[in-house]
PDB file of N, CA and C in Angstrom:
ATOM      1  N   MET A   1      52.167  96.415  99.209  1.00  0.00           N
ATOM      2  CA  MET A   1      53.735  95.404  98.906  1.00  0.00           C
ATOM      3  C   MET A   1      53.119  94.094  98.163  1.00  0.00           C
ATOM      4  N   ALA A   2      52.208  94.749  97.313  1.00  0.00           N
ATOM      5  CA  ALA A   2      51.294  93.737  96.036  1.00  0.00           C
ATOM      6  C   ALA A   2      52.685  94.016  95.047  1.00  0.00           C
ATOM      7  N   VAL A   3      52.371  92.909  94.301  1.00  0.00           N
ATOM      8  CA  VAL A   3      53.679  93.107  93.161  1.00  0.00           C
ATOM      9  C   VAL A   3      52.596  93.568  91.817  1.00  0.00           C
ATOM     10  N   THR A   4      53.069  94.166  91.243  1.00  0.00           N
ATOM     11  CA  THR A   4      52.563  95.193  90.300  1.00  0.00           C
ATOM     12  C   THR A   4      53.063  94.748  88.654  1.00  0.00           C
ATOM     13  N   ALA A   5      52.458  94.550  87.622  1.00  0.00           N
ATOM     14  CA  ALA A   5      52.971  94.354  86.556  1.00  0.00           C
ATOM     15  C   ALA A   5      54.395  95.228  85.923  1.00  0.00           C
ATOM     16  N   THR A   6      54.868  96.321  86.370  1.00  0.00           N
ATOM     17  CA  THR A   6      55.878  97.147  86.257  1.00  0.00           C
ATOM     18  C   THR A   6      57.195  96.399  87.046  1.00  0.00           C
ATOM     19  N   ASP A   7      56.689  95.405  88.303  1.00  0.00           N
ATOM     20  CA  ASP A   7      57.918  95.436  89.043  1.00  0.00           C
ATOM     21  C   ASP A   7      59.208  94.634  88.234  1.00  0.00           C
ATOM     22  N   PRO A   8      58.547  93.422  87.604  1.00  0.00           N
ATOM     23  CA  PRO A   8      59.809  92.683  86.880  1.00  0.00           C
ATOM     24  C   PRO A   8      60.871  93.513  86.049  1.00  0.00           C
ATOM     25  N   LEU A   9      60.628  94.466  85.335  1.00  0.00           N
ATOM     26  CA  LEU A   9      61.165  95.834  84.778  1.00  0.00           C
ATOM     27  C   LEU A   9      62.095  96.032  85.164  1.00  0.00           C
ATOM     28  N   LYS A  10      61.298  97.193  86.899  1.00  0.00           N
ATOM     29  CA  LYS A  10      62.120  97.596  87.859  1.00  0.00           C
ATOM     30  C   LYS A  10      63.508  96.628  88.373  1.00  0.00           C
ATOM     31  N   ILE A  11      62.794  95.449  88.514  1.00  0.00           N
ATOM     32  CA  ILE A  11      63.909  94.559  89.217  1.00  0.00           C
ATOM     33  C   ILE A  11      65.014  94.544  87.594  1.00  0.00           C
ATOM     34  N   VAL A  12      64.872  94.493  87.029  1.00  0.00           N
ATOM     35  CA  VAL A  12      66.149  94.296  85.520  1.00  0.00           C
ATOM     36  C   VAL A  12      66.712  95.395  85.467  1.00  0.00           C
ATOM     37  N   LEU A  13      65.989  96.625  85.850  1.00  0.00           N
ATOM     38  CA  LEU A  13      66.901  97.687  86.133  1.00  0.00           C
ATOM     39  C   LEU A  13      67.462  97.733  87.146  1.00  0.00           C
ATOM     40  N   ALA A  14      67.211  97.569  88.617  1.00  0.00           N
ATOM     41  CA  ALA A  14      67.776  97.473  89.587  1.00  0.00           C
ATOM     42  C   ALA A  14      69.271  96.697  89.425  1.00  0.00           C
ATOM     43  N   ILE A  15      68.591  95.800  88.695  1.00  0.00           N
ATOM     44  CA  ILE A  15      70.168  94.586  88.653  1.00  0.00           C
ATOM     45  C   ILE A  15      71.441  95.392  87.717  1.00  0.00           C
ATOM     46  N   LEU A  16      70.888  96.186  86.597  1.00  0.00           N
ATOM     47  CA  LEU A  16      71.616  96.628  85.526  1.00  0.00           C
ATOM     48  C   LEU A  16      72.189  98.083  85.938  1.00  0.00           C
ATOM     49  N   LEU A  17      71.302  98.671  86.667  1.00  0.00           N
ATOM     50  CA  LEU A  17      71.540  99.951  86.831  1.00  0.00           C
ATOM     51  C   LEU A  17      70.610 100.110  88.354  1.00  0.00           C
ATOM     52  N   PRO A  18      71.122 100.020  89.344  1.00  0.00           N
ATOM     53  CA  PRO A  18      70.264  99.840  90.489  1.00  0.00           C
ATOM     54  C   PRO A  18      69.937 101.542  90.759  1.00  0.00           C
ATOM     55  N   PRO A  19      70.290 102.613  90.550  1.00  0.00           N
ATOM     56  CA  PRO A  19      69.544 103.809  91.015  1.00  0.00           C
ATOM     57  C   PRO A  19      68.246 104.243  89.891  1.00  0.00           C
ATOM     58  N   VAL A  20      68.550 103.466  88.569  1.00  0.00           N
ATOM     59  CA  VAL A  20      67.481 104.033  87.554  1.00  0.00           C
ATOM     60  C   VAL A  20      65.907 102.999  88.134  1.00  0.00           C
ATOM     61  N   GLY A  21      66.485 101.774  88.601  1.00  0.00           N
ATOM     62  CA  GLY A  21      65.267 101.109  89.488  1.00  0.00           C
ATOM     63  C   GLY A  21      64.790 101.513  90.842  1.00  0.00           C
ATOM     64  N   VAL A  22      65.647 102.094  91.603  1.00  0.00           N
ATOM     65  CA  VAL A  22      65.193 103.197  92.521  1.00  0.00           C
ATOM     66  C   VAL A  22      64.494 104.145  91.868  1.00  0.00           C
ATOM     67  N   PHE A  23      64.812 105.090  91.231  1.00  0.00           N
ATOM     68  CA  PHE A  23      63.920 106.041  90.698  1.00  0.00           C
ATOM     69  C   PHE A  23      62.465 105.664  90.253  1.00  0.00           C
ATOM     70  N   ALA A  24      62.428 104.420  89.190  1.00  0.00           N
ATOM     71  CA  ALA A  24      61.222 104.515  88.539  1.00  0.00           C
ATOM     72  C   ALA A  24      60.119 103.700  89.536  1.00  0.00           C
ATOM     73  N   GLU A  25      60.592 103.492  90.815  1.00  0.00           N
ATOM     74  CA  GLU A  25      59.770 103.074  92.228  1.00  0.00           C
ATOM     75  C   GLU A  25      59.653 104.562  92.480  1.00  0.00           C
ATOM     76  N   VAL A  26      60.648 104.913  93.338  1.00  0.00           N
ATOM     77  CA  VAL A  26      60.274 106.253  94.563  1.00  0.00           C
ATOM     78  C   VAL A  26      60.677 107.984  93.586  1.00  0.00           C
ATOM     79  N   GLY A  27      61.076 107.647  92.848  1.00  0.00           N
ATOM     80  CA  GLY A  27      61.406 109.162  92.131  1.00  0.00           C
ATOM     81  C   GLY A  27      62.470 109.551  93.169  1.00  0.00           C
ATOM     82  N   PHE A  28      62.667 111.145  93.052  1.00  0.00           N
ATOM     83  CA  PHE A  28      63.897 111.919  93.802  1.00  0.00           C
ATOM     84  C   PHE A  28      63.592 112.176  95.444  1.00  0.00           C
ATOM     85  N   SER A  29      63.627 110.815  95.927  1.00  0.00           N
ATOM     86  CA  SER A  29      63.493 110.567  97.125  1.00  0.00           C
ATOM     87  C   SER A  29      64.900 110.703  97.803  1.00  0.00           C
ATOM     88  N   GLY A  30      64.829 110.100  99.200  1.00  0.00           N
ATOM     89  CA  GLY A  30      66.081 109.831 100.139  1.00  0.00           C
ATOM     90  C   GLY A  30      66.335 108.243  99.485  1.00  0.00           C
ATOM     91  N   HIS A  31      66.193 107.689  99.049  1.00  0.00           N
ATOM     92  CA  HIS A  31      65.915 106.258  98.912  1.00  0.00           C
ATOM     93  C   HIS A  31      67.120 106.594  97.375  1.00  0.00           C
ATOM     94  N   PHE A  32      66.644 107.294  96.495  1.00  0.00           N
ATOM     95  CA  PHE A  32      67.133 107.414  95.506  1.00  0.00           C
ATOM     96  C   PHE A  32      68.514 107.767  95.829  1.00  0.00           C
ATOM     97  N   TRP A  33      68.442 109.140  96.492  1.00  0.00           N
ATOM     98  CA  TRP A  33      70.396 109.234  97.139  1.00  0.00           C
ATOM     99  C   TRP A  33      71.184 108.313  97.376  1.00  0.00           C
ATOM    100  N   LEU A  34      70.462 107.730  98.378  1.00  0.00           N
ATOM    101  CA  LEU A  34      71.079 107.007  99.469  1.00  0.00           C
ATOM    102  C   LEU A  34      71.834 105.703  98.513  1.00  0.00           C
ATOM    103  N   ASN A  35      70.842 105.205  97.237  1.00  0.00           N
ATOM    104  CA  ASN A  35      71.127 103.964  96.542  1.00  0.00           C
ATOM    105  C   ASN A  35      72.338 104.677  95.411  1.00  0.00           C
ATOM    106  N   ILE A  36      72.575 105.909  95.064  1.00  0.00           N
ATOM    107  CA  ILE A  36      73.813 106.601  94.466  1.00  0.00           C
ATOM    108  C   ILE A  36      74.893 106.270  95.012  1.00  0.00           C
ATOM    109  N   LEU A  37      74.356 106.583  96.134  1.00  0.00           N
ATOM    110  CA  LEU A  37      75.925 106.463  97.249  1.00  0.00           C
ATOM    111  C   LEU A  37      76.568 105.085  97.546  1.00  0.00           C
ATOM    112  N   LEU A  38      75.533 104.251  97.518  1.00  0.00           N
ATOM    113  CA  LEU A  38      75.996 102.894  98.008  1.00  0.00           C
ATOM    114  C   LEU A  38      76.059 102.014  96.402  1.00  0.00           C
ATOM    115  N   THR A  39      75.832 102.539  95.684  1.00  0.00           N
ATOM    116  CA  THR A  39      76.346 101.944  94.525  1.00  0.00           C
ATOM    117  C   THR A  39      77.582 102.607  93.591  1.00  0.00           C
ATOM    118  N   LEU A  40      78.006 103.984  94.303  1.00  0.00           N
ATOM    119  CA  LEU A  40      79.406 104.438  94.005  1.00  0.00           C
ATOM    120  C   LEU A  40      80.171 103.588  95.026  1.00  0.00           C
ATOM    121  N   PHE A  41      80.019 103.448  96.105  1.00  0.00           N
ATOM    122  CA  PHE A  41      80.519 102.551  97.166  1.00  0.00           C
ATOM    123  C   PHE A  41      80.821 101.329  96.540  1.00  0.00           C
ATOM    124  N   GLY A  42      80.104 100.609  96.233  1.00  0.00           N
ATOM    125  CA  GLY A  42      79.992  99.216  95.626  1.00  0.00           C
ATOM    126  C   GLY A  42      78.877  98.890  95.041  1.00  0.00           C
ATOM    127  N   TYR A  43      79.115  97.826  94.030  1.00  0.00           N
ATOM    128  CA  TYR A  43      77.819  97.788  93.251  1.00  0.00           C
ATOM    129  C   TYR A  43      77.072  97.047  93.662  1.00  0.00           C
ATOM    130  N   VAL A  44      77.364  95.930  94.589  1.00  0.00           N
ATOM    131  CA  VAL A  44      76.327  94.844  95.004  1.00  0.00           C
ATOM    132  C   VAL A  44      75.613  95.630  96.741  1.00  0.00           C
ATOM    133  N   PRO A  45      76.377  96.721  97.051  1.00  0.00           N
ATOM    134  CA  PRO A  45      75.422  97.017  98.074  1.00  0.00           C
ATOM    135  C   PRO A  45      74.223  97.934  97.273  1.00  0.00           C
ATOM    136  N   GLY A  46      74.377  98.693  95.679  1.00  0.00           N
ATOM    137  CA  GLY A  46      72.981  99.435  95.419  1.00  0.00           C
ATOM    138  C   GLY A  46      72.440  98.327  94.997  1.00  0.00           C
ATOM    139  N   ILE A  47      72.694  97.098  94.604  1.00  0.00           N
ATOM    140  CA  ILE A  47      71.384  96.357  94.147  1.00  0.00           C
ATOM    141  C   ILE A  47      70.762  95.667  95.535  1.00  0.00           C
ATOM    142  N   ILE A  48      71.168  95.669  96.365  1.00  0.00           N
ATOM    143  CA  ILE A  48      70.901  94.928  97.189  1.00  0.00           C
ATOM    144  C   ILE A  48      69.605  96.163  97.959  1.00  0.00           C
ATOM    145  N   HIS A  49      70.199  97.356  97.772  1.00  0.00           N
ATOM    146  CA  HIS A  49      69.179  98.212  98.633  1.00  0.00           C
ATOM    147  C   HIS A  49      67.960  98.369  97.463  1.00  0.00           C
ATOM    148  N   ALA A  50      68.503  98.511  96.027  1.00  0.00           N
ATOM    149  CA  ALA A  50      67.290  98.295  95.032  1.00  0.00           C
ATOM    150  C   ALA A  50      66.146  97.696  95.230  1.00  0.00           C
ATOM    151  N   LEU A  51      67.000  96.383  95.278  1.00  0.00           N
ATOM    152  CA  LEU A  51      66.031  95.474  95.459  1.00  0.00           C
ATOM    153  C   LEU A  51      64.631  95.548  96.533  1.00  0.00           C
ATOM    154  N   TYR A  52      65.607  95.863  97.688  1.00  0.00           N
ATOM    155  CA  TYR A  52      64.798  96.338  99.134  1.00  0.00           C
ATOM    156  C   TYR A  52      63.663  97.104  98.855  1.00  0.00           C
ATOM    157  N   VAL A  53      63.916  98.568  97.971  1.00  0.00           N
ATOM    158  CA  VAL A  53      62.943  99.302  97.986  1.00  0.00           C
ATOM    159  C   VAL A  53      61.916  98.895  96.950  1.00  0.00           C
ATOM    160  N   ILE A  54      62.140  98.118  95.884  1.00  0.00           N
ATOM    161  CA  ILE A  54      61.428  97.857  94.764  1.00  0.00           C
ATOM    162  C   ILE A  54      59.870  96.378  95.634  1.00  0.00           C
ATOM    163  N   LEU A  55      60.736  96.177  96.108  1.00  0.00           N
ATOM    164  CA  LEU A  55      59.957  94.820  96.708  1.00  0.00           C
ATOM    165  C   LEU A  55      59.218  95.244  97.992  1.00  0.00           C
ATOM    166  N   ARG A  56      59.763  96.280  98.864  1.00  0.00           N
ATOM    167  CA  ARG A  56      58.928  97.179  99.740  1.00  0.00           C
ATOM    168  C   ARG A  56      57.549  98.075  99.525  1.00  0.00           C
ATOM    169  N   HIS A  57      58.203  98.929  98.509  1.00  0.00           N
ATOM    170  CA  HIS A  57      57.197  99.538  98.278  1.00  0.00           C
ATOM    171  C   HIS A  57      55.994  99.450  97.685  1.00  0.00           C
TER     172      HIS A  57
END
């Protein structure tokens, strides 16, 4: 859970395009596909999930 040098960029990506931020962190995993669904159902849930994934991993 240590903050790396690329985390600020991933956080900006998570705010602008949540699935891209998640992909940058974990690749094509279940989190990525879940984030796509959350973003399609609502932009804010996608952002929250993306930030959770980025800050958790």
